[in-house]
Amino acid sequence: MHAIVAREAGGPEVLEYRELPDPEPGPGELLVRTAASGVNFVDTYKRAGVYPVTYPHAVGSEGAGTVVAVGEVRDGDPEFAVGDRVVWTEAPGSYAELTVVAAREALHVPDAVSSDDAAAVALQGLTAHYLCTSTYPVRPGDRVLVHAGAGGVGLLLTQMVVARGGHVLSTVSTPQKAELARAAGAEHVIEYTAFGDLSHDLPEVVRGLTGGEGVAAVYDSVGKDTFDASLASLRRRGTLVLFGGSSGQVPAVDPQRLNAAGSVFLTRPKLADHTATRTELEERAAEVLGALAGGTLHVRVGARFALADAAAAHRALEGRATTGKVLLLPDGPGDDDLGSAGDPAGGATDATGADA
């Protein structure tokens, strides 16, 4: 099989398309022929050495495909059979034609959901779900700020917040991304690239849109560049949810700043702690995949790259040149797939699609 390996810590140029022995599933594992691999910022962090991994490093963690072999079934493992379509968020080395997935991490894909859509919504959809239901549970009437509103998480999170009765203020970098954020349900879209001083100008705009109060929560996946502005945009006792760092990691923070900002809360959550049990994983997935199958949630596939072009996919993601989800396809994209934008509401043309 072919797979993508980072030979050492570094930029996209360290990614290599290699031929490797076909893997075999062990006890409690599935061997899956990958239909689509999701590209996420966490992949770039591991490639670059921001998160510690050993090298050479088999890249990727998310994907969808069809089970081709089942290892020994252990007591308590969920049951799968050859031919089942599955999706997962955590399987090392998912940028590959064949992926070994722990049965406890695999989820059945509903018949009404394509494999592309499943791969596009798994990690980012579950992330958006826990952010607005658990980290800061949005209540009807809440106003929240979503950074990178045209990204994979941003578009999904906006739809989920609106479905819970909340109101979204969204930040984007271009007019095209502004259109996508509005179509997803954002009430106010702020193009921050026009600001001279983000940490001053953005909070001023946010407070102007909220009657001087500020927002109940900020969902911030950008990190270093937006942290100060996010903190200053909160209402008294608001919550800053820092769940990524596409612009770099946030330096150490003096807790007294939280006091001065109005007794606000700061949290740095991750998906693994919100899917820590099989029951919780299945419950969250059922809501996300069920909404996708039912047409009440739309996922945007912004670009598809051939597996061999993983470096180009990383450059596009890190350069904030993408909207919605970026996928790698082992068989390569069709002529109409690469960079396909789909409809403004988020549904891709052939699937039903950070800058997060």
Protein backbone atom coordinates (compact mmCIF):
# COMPACT_ATOMS: atom_id res chain seq x y z
CA MET A 1 0.00 0.00 0.00
CA HIS A 2 0.95 3.66 -0.21
CA ALA A 3 0.95 6.02 2.77
CA ILE A 4 2.22 9.45 3.79
CA VAL A 5 5.13 9.62 6.24
CA ALA A 6 6.85 12.64 7.79
CA ARG A 7 10.54 11.75 7.72
CA GLU A 8 11.37 14.38 10.37
CA ALA A 9 9.84 17.41 12.04
CA GLY A 10 9.45 20.28 9.62
CA GLY A 11 7.32 21.91 6.96
CA PRO A 12 5.15 20.23 4.33
CA GLU A 13 8.29 19.28 2.39
CA VAL A 14 9.07 16.53 4.94
CA LEU A 15 5.99 14.57 3.86
CA GLU A 16 6.81 11.57 1.67
CA TYR A 17 4.54 9.29 -0.37
CA ARG A 18 5.91 5.85 0.45
CA GLU A 19 5.14 2.26 -0.42
CA LEU A 20 4.76 0.23 2.78
CA PRO A 21 3.82 -3.37 3.60
CA ASP A 22 0.08 -3.97 3.84
CA PRO A 23 -0.87 -3.95 7.54
CA GLU A 24 -2.85 -6.68 9.27
CA PRO A 25 -5.46 -6.17 12.00
CA GLY A 26 -4.68 -7.45 15.46
CA PRO A 27 -7.11 -8.32 18.26
CA GLY A 28 -9.83 -5.71 18.52
CA GLU A 29 -8.82 -4.08 15.23
CA LEU A 30 -10.24 -3.58 11.74
CA LEU A 31 -8.39 -3.27 8.45
CA VAL A 32 -10.10 -0.62 6.35
CA ARG A 33 -9.61 0.31 2.71
CA THR A 34 -9.57 4.08 3.01
CA ALA A 35 -11.98 6.01 0.80
CA ALA A 36 -11.08 9.47 2.14
CA SER A 37 -8.73 10.84 4.80
CA GLY A 38 -9.50 14.03 6.68
CA VAL A 39 -6.82 16.74 6.86
CA ASN A 40 -6.73 18.59 10.18
CA PHE A 41 -4.53 21.17 11.86
CA VAL A 42 -3.50 18.60 14.45
CA ASP A 43 -1.80 16.72 11.59
CA THR A 44 0.30 19.79 10.82
CA TYR A 45 1.19 20.23 14.50
CA LYS A 46 2.51 16.66 14.67
CA ARG A 47 4.33 16.99 11.35
CA ALA A 48 5.99 20.21 12.50
CA GLY A 49 6.97 18.91 15.95
CA VAL A 50 4.61 21.19 17.90
CA TYR A 51 3.11 18.03 19.38
CA PRO A 52 5.74 15.41 20.28
CA VAL A 53 5.77 12.30 18.06
CA THR A 54 8.49 9.92 16.93
CA TYR A 55 9.89 10.11 13.40
CA PRO A 56 9.44 8.83 10.83
CA HIS A 57 5.84 9.63 11.68
CA ALA A 58 2.84 8.04 9.94
CA VAL A 59 0.57 11.03 9.36
CA GLY A 60 -3.17 11.37 9.82
CA SER A 61 -5.82 10.21 12.26
CA GLU A 62 -9.24 10.61 10.59
CA GLY A 63 -10.91 8.86 7.70
CA ALA A 64 -13.68 6.73 6.29
CA GLY A 65 -13.75 3.57 4.23
CA THR A 66 -14.81 -0.06 3.97
CA VAL A 67 -13.78 -2.88 6.29
CA VAL A 68 -11.74 -5.52 4.42
CA ALA A 69 -10.61 -7.65 7.37
CA VAL A 70 -11.54 -8.07 11.04
CA GLY A 71 -9.07 -9.09 13.73
CA GLU A 72 -9.89 -11.28 16.69
CA VAL A 73 -12.99 -9.91 18.41
CA ARG A 74 -12.48 -9.31 22.12
CA ASP A 75 -15.14 -9.22 24.81
CA GLY A 76 -16.79 -5.84 24.89
CA ASP A 77 -15.62 -4.74 21.43
CA PRO A 78 -18.30 -3.37 19.09
CA GLU A 79 -19.07 -5.70 16.23
CA PHE A 80 -18.15 -5.03 12.61
CA ALA A 81 -18.09 -7.20 9.51
CA VAL A 82 -16.23 -7.18 6.21
CA GLY A 83 -18.05 -4.79 3.88
CA ASP A 84 -19.21 -2.39 6.60
CA ARG A 85 -18.61 1.29 5.90
CA VAL A 86 -16.97 2.96 8.88
CA VAL A 87 -15.58 6.31 9.95
CA TRP A 88 -13.09 7.19 12.67
CA THR A 89 -11.37 10.17 14.25
CA GLU A 90 -8.38 8.46 15.87
CA ALA A 91 -6.29 5.90 13.99
CA PRO A 92 -2.57 6.65 13.56
CA GLY A 93 -1.41 6.68 9.95
CA SER A 94 -4.78 7.42 8.34
CA TYR A 95 -3.15 9.11 5.34
CA ALA A 96 -2.94 5.68 3.70
CA GLU A 97 -4.65 3.34 1.27
CA LEU A 98 -5.18 0.86 4.11
CA THR A 99 -5.71 1.86 7.74
CA VAL A 100 -5.79 -0.22 10.90
CA VAL A 101 -8.56 1.13 13.11
CA ALA A 102 -9.35 0.02 16.66
CA ALA A 103 -12.91 -1.33 16.66
CA ARG A 104 -13.68 0.82 19.71
CA GLU A 105 -12.80 3.94 17.63
CA ALA A 106 -14.83 2.97 14.54
CA LEU A 107 -18.39 4.11 13.87
CA HIS A 108 -20.91 2.82 11.37
CA VAL A 109 -21.68 5.23 8.52
CA PRO A 110 -25.42 5.65 7.81
CA ASP A 111 -26.54 4.60 4.33
CA ALA A 112 -27.63 8.16 3.53
CA VAL A 113 -24.12 9.56 4.21
CA SER A 114 -21.31 9.27 1.65
CA SER A 115 -17.84 8.20 2.71
CA ASP A 116 -16.50 11.62 1.71
CA ASP A 117 -19.04 13.34 3.94
CA ALA A 118 -18.36 10.97 6.81
CA ALA A 119 -14.63 11.67 6.64
CA ALA A 120 -15.32 15.39 6.38
CA VAL A 121 -17.60 15.57 9.40
CA ALA A 122 -16.08 13.09 11.85
CA LEU A 123 -13.44 14.96 13.80
CA GLN A 124 -14.66 18.48 13.11
CA GLY A 125 -18.34 17.62 13.60
CA LEU A 126 -17.71 15.89 16.92
CA THR A 127 -15.51 18.83 17.92
CA ALA A 128 -18.23 21.36 17.09
CA HIS A 129 -20.73 19.22 18.98
CA TYR A 130 -18.81 19.09 22.25
CA LEU A 131 -17.85 22.76 22.01
CA CYS A 132 -21.45 24.00 21.98
CA THR A 133 -23.08 21.28 24.09
CA SER A 134 -20.47 20.63 26.79
CA THR A 135 -17.60 23.13 26.90
CA TYR A 136 -19.91 26.12 26.76
CA PRO A 137 -23.48 24.80 26.41
CA VAL A 138 -25.22 27.37 24.24
CA ARG A 139 -28.62 28.49 25.49
CA PRO A 140 -31.40 30.18 23.48
CA GLY A 141 -30.57 33.84 23.03
CA ASP A 142 -26.83 33.49 23.70
CA ARG A 143 -24.54 35.49 21.45
CA VAL A 144 -21.21 33.83 20.71
CA LEU A 145 -18.17 34.65 18.60
CA VAL A 146 -16.83 31.97 16.24
CA HIS A 147 -13.39 32.59 14.78
CA ALA A 148 -12.49 31.17 11.36
CA GLY A 149 -16.17 30.94 10.58
CA ALA A 150 -15.68 29.55 7.06
CA GLY A 151 -13.43 26.73 8.22
CA GLY A 152 -14.44 23.13 8.74
CA VAL A 153 -15.27 23.49 12.42
CA GLY A 154 -16.55 27.04 12.01
CA LEU A 155 -19.27 26.18 9.48
CA LEU A 156 -20.46 23.17 11.48
CA LEU A 157 -20.30 24.98 14.81
CA THR A 158 -22.29 27.92 13.44
CA GLN A 159 -25.09 25.61 12.29
CA MET A 160 -25.17 23.81 15.65
CA VAL A 161 -25.23 27.04 17.68
CA VAL A 162 -28.09 28.39 15.58
CA ALA A 163 -29.98 25.10 15.97
CA ARG A 164 -29.69 25.54 19.77
CA GLY A 165 -31.20 29.04 19.56
CA GLY A 166 -27.94 30.98 19.73
CA HIS A 167 -26.74 33.92 17.66
CA VAL A 168 -23.36 33.78 15.93
CA LEU A 169 -20.87 36.55 15.26
CA SER A 170 -18.23 35.14 12.92
CA THR A 171 -14.78 36.30 11.87
CA VAL A 172 -13.42 35.58 8.38
CA SER A 173 -10.60 36.84 6.18
CA THR A 174 -12.25 37.31 2.76
CA PRO A 175 -15.59 38.26 1.21
CA GLN A 176 -15.97 34.72 -0.16
CA LYS A 177 -15.59 33.28 3.32
CA ALA A 178 -18.03 35.89 4.64
CA GLU A 179 -20.67 34.58 2.21
CA LEU A 180 -20.14 31.02 3.42
CA ALA A 181 -20.39 32.02 7.09
CA ARG A 182 -23.66 33.89 6.48
CA ALA A 183 -25.11 30.94 4.57
CA ALA A 184 -24.30 28.71 7.54
CA GLY A 185 -26.35 31.00 9.78
CA ALA A 186 -23.99 33.66 11.14
CA GLU A 187 -25.94 36.76 12.09
CA HIS A 188 -22.95 39.10 11.85
CA VAL A 189 -19.78 38.44 9.85
CA ILE A 190 -16.63 40.44 10.58
CA GLU A 191 -13.79 40.64 8.03
CA TYR A 192 -10.91 41.15 10.43
CA THR A 193 -8.23 41.76 7.77
CA ALA A 194 -9.30 45.40 7.57
CA PHE A 195 -8.39 46.05 11.21
CA GLY A 196 -5.27 47.98 12.07
CA ASP A 197 -5.12 46.61 15.62
CA LEU A 198 -7.04 43.35 15.99
CA SER A 199 -6.86 43.27 19.78
CA HIS A 200 -8.51 46.71 19.96
CA ASP A 201 -10.70 46.90 16.85
CA LEU A 202 -12.38 43.50 17.03
CA PRO A 203 -13.65 43.84 20.64
CA GLU A 204 -14.94 47.31 19.77
CA VAL A 205 -16.96 45.90 16.86
CA VAL A 206 -18.21 42.95 18.96
CA ARG A 207 -19.37 45.21 21.77
CA GLY A 208 -21.04 47.50 19.25
CA LEU A 209 -23.03 44.52 17.96
CA THR A 210 -23.99 43.35 21.45
CA GLY A 211 -25.14 46.58 23.05
CA GLY A 212 -21.81 47.02 24.83
CA GLU A 213 -22.13 43.73 26.68
CA GLY A 214 -19.83 41.37 24.80
CA VAL A 215 -20.45 37.73 23.93
CA ALA A 216 -21.25 34.79 26.19
CA ALA A 217 -18.50 32.70 24.65
CA VAL A 218 -15.71 32.90 22.12
CA TYR A 219 -14.79 29.72 20.24
CA ASP A 220 -11.18 30.36 19.21
CA SER A 221 -9.23 27.96 17.01
CA VAL A 222 -6.78 30.58 15.76
CA GLY A 223 -4.81 31.06 18.98
CA LYS A 224 -1.90 33.47 19.22
CA ASP A 225 -3.18 36.13 16.79
CA THR A 226 -6.71 36.33 18.21
CA PHE A 227 -6.33 35.49 21.90
CA ASP A 228 -6.17 39.08 23.22
CA ALA A 229 -9.11 40.15 21.05
CA SER A 230 -11.12 37.12 22.15
CA LEU A 231 -10.54 37.84 25.81
CA ALA A 232 -11.60 41.47 25.38
CA SER A 233 -14.78 40.47 23.50
CA LEU A 234 -16.31 38.50 26.39
CA ARG A 235 -19.16 39.65 28.57
CA ARG A 236 -18.79 39.50 32.33
CA ARG A 237 -18.33 35.83 33.39
CA GLY A 238 -18.06 34.81 29.75
CA THR A 239 -16.10 31.79 28.51
CA LEU A 240 -13.10 31.75 26.19
CA VAL A 241 -12.86 28.34 24.54
CA LEU A 242 -9.39 27.97 23.03
CA PHE A 243 -9.45 24.79 20.97
CA GLY A 244 -6.69 25.31 18.41
CA GLY A 245 -3.74 27.41 17.34
CA SER A 246 -3.66 27.82 13.57
CA SER A 247 -1.67 31.05 14.00
CA GLY A 248 0.58 29.62 16.71
CA GLN A 249 0.25 28.58 20.33
CA VAL A 250 -0.79 31.12 22.98
CA PRO A 251 1.96 32.09 25.44
CA ALA A 252 1.52 31.60 29.17
CA VAL A 253 -1.35 33.66 30.60
CA ASP A 254 -1.43 35.45 33.94
CA PRO A 255 -4.66 34.33 35.67
CA GLN A 256 -5.16 37.90 36.87
CA ARG A 257 -6.09 38.79 33.29
CA LEU A 258 -9.20 36.66 33.67
CA ASN A 259 -10.14 38.63 36.76
CA ALA A 260 -9.60 41.96 35.01
CA ALA A 261 -11.65 40.86 31.99
CA GLY A 262 -14.72 40.36 34.18
CA SER A 263 -14.25 37.10 36.09
CA VAL A 264 -14.16 35.23 32.79
CA PHE A 265 -13.37 31.56 32.21
CA LEU A 266 -10.61 30.15 30.01
CA THR A 267 -10.51 26.53 28.90
CA ARG A 268 -8.38 24.49 26.48
CA PRO A 269 -10.45 21.38 25.65
CA LYS A 270 -9.77 18.43 23.33
CA LEU A 271 -11.99 15.88 21.66
CA ALA A 272 -10.53 12.83 23.40
CA ASP A 273 -11.80 14.05 26.77
CA HIS A 274 -15.31 14.44 25.36
CA THR A 275 -15.43 10.98 23.76
CA ALA A 276 -13.66 9.19 26.59
CA THR A 277 -16.15 6.32 26.71
CA ARG A 278 -17.69 4.31 23.89
CA THR A 279 -21.13 5.44 25.03
CA GLU A 280 -20.27 9.12 24.79
CA LEU A 281 -18.58 8.65 21.40
CA GLU A 282 -21.61 6.85 20.01
CA GLU A 283 -24.06 9.39 21.43
CA ARG A 284 -22.23 12.37 19.94
CA ALA A 285 -21.71 10.58 16.62
CA ALA A 286 -25.37 9.59 16.44
CA GLU A 287 -26.41 13.24 16.75
CA VAL A 288 -23.88 14.51 14.21
CA LEU A 289 -24.24 11.75 11.61
CA GLY A 290 -28.00 11.63 12.17
CA ALA A 291 -28.32 15.36 11.47
CA LEU A 292 -26.16 14.95 8.38
CA ALA A 293 -28.25 12.03 7.13
CA GLY A 294 -31.46 13.94 7.89
CA GLY A 295 -30.37 17.07 6.04
CA THR A 296 -30.40 19.39 9.05
CA LEU A 297 -26.60 19.64 9.10
CA HIS A 298 -24.48 20.34 6.04
CA VAL A 299 -20.79 19.66 5.63
CA ARG A 300 -18.69 21.49 3.06
CA VAL A 301 -15.83 19.75 1.27
CA GLY A 302 -13.74 22.69 0.15
CA ALA A 303 -10.93 20.78 -1.57
CA ARG A 304 -9.90 17.26 -2.46
CA PHE A 305 -6.29 16.27 -3.07
CA ALA A 306 -4.75 13.02 -4.21
CA LEU A 307 -3.06 11.15 -1.36
CA ALA A 308 0.32 11.70 -3.02
CA ASP A 309 -0.29 15.47 -2.83
CA ALA A 310 -0.55 15.62 0.97
CA ALA A 311 2.15 18.30 1.13
CA ALA A 312 0.08 20.57 -1.10
CA ALA A 313 -2.95 19.95 1.12
CA HIS A 314 -0.95 20.97 4.21
CA ARG A 315 0.30 24.12 2.47
CA ALA A 316 -3.25 25.09 1.53
CA LEU A 317 -4.56 24.49 5.04
CA GLU A 318 -1.75 26.33 6.81
CA GLY A 319 -1.92 29.17 4.29
CA ARG A 320 -5.64 29.64 5.12
CA ALA A 321 -6.40 29.10 1.44
CA THR A 322 -9.19 26.63 2.18
CA THR A 323 -12.80 26.71 3.28
CA GLY A 324 -14.70 23.86 4.85
CA LYS A 325 -13.00 20.46 4.92
CA VAL A 326 -9.89 19.28 3.08
CA LEU A 327 -9.78 15.60 2.07
CA LEU A 328 -7.10 13.29 0.73
CA LEU A 329 -8.32 10.62 -1.69
CA PRO A 330 -6.20 7.48 -2.19
CA ASP A 331 -7.62 7.05 -5.70
CA GLY A 332 -7.16 10.74 -6.49
CA PRO A 333 -9.87 13.36 -7.09
CA GLY A 334 -11.86 13.55 -10.30
CA ASP A 335 -11.50 16.50 -12.64
CA ASP A 336 -14.38 18.28 -10.92
CA ASP A 337 -13.30 17.48 -7.36
CA LEU A 338 -10.13 19.41 -6.64
CA GLY A 339 -11.05 22.60 -4.89
CA SER A 340 -14.76 22.03 -5.38
CA ALA A 341 -16.69 24.61 -3.42
CA GLY A 342 -20.19 23.20 -3.23
CA ASP A 343 -23.16 25.41 -2.47
CA PRO A 344 -22.83 28.41 -0.11
CA ALA A 345 -24.82 26.69 2.62
CA GLY A 346 -22.11 24.10 2.93
CA GLY A 347 -23.29 21.07 0.95
CA ALA A 348 -20.83 19.93 -1.66
CA THR A 349 -22.10 19.11 -5.12
CA ASP A 350 -21.28 15.41 -4.97
CA ALA A 351 -21.44 14.96 -1.23
CA THR A 352 -23.88 16.33 1.19
CA GLY A 353 -18.79 19.78 3.25
CA ALA A 354 -10.30 24.51 9.54
CA ASP A 355 -9.45 27.49 8.62
CA ALA A 356 -10.08 26.00 12.11
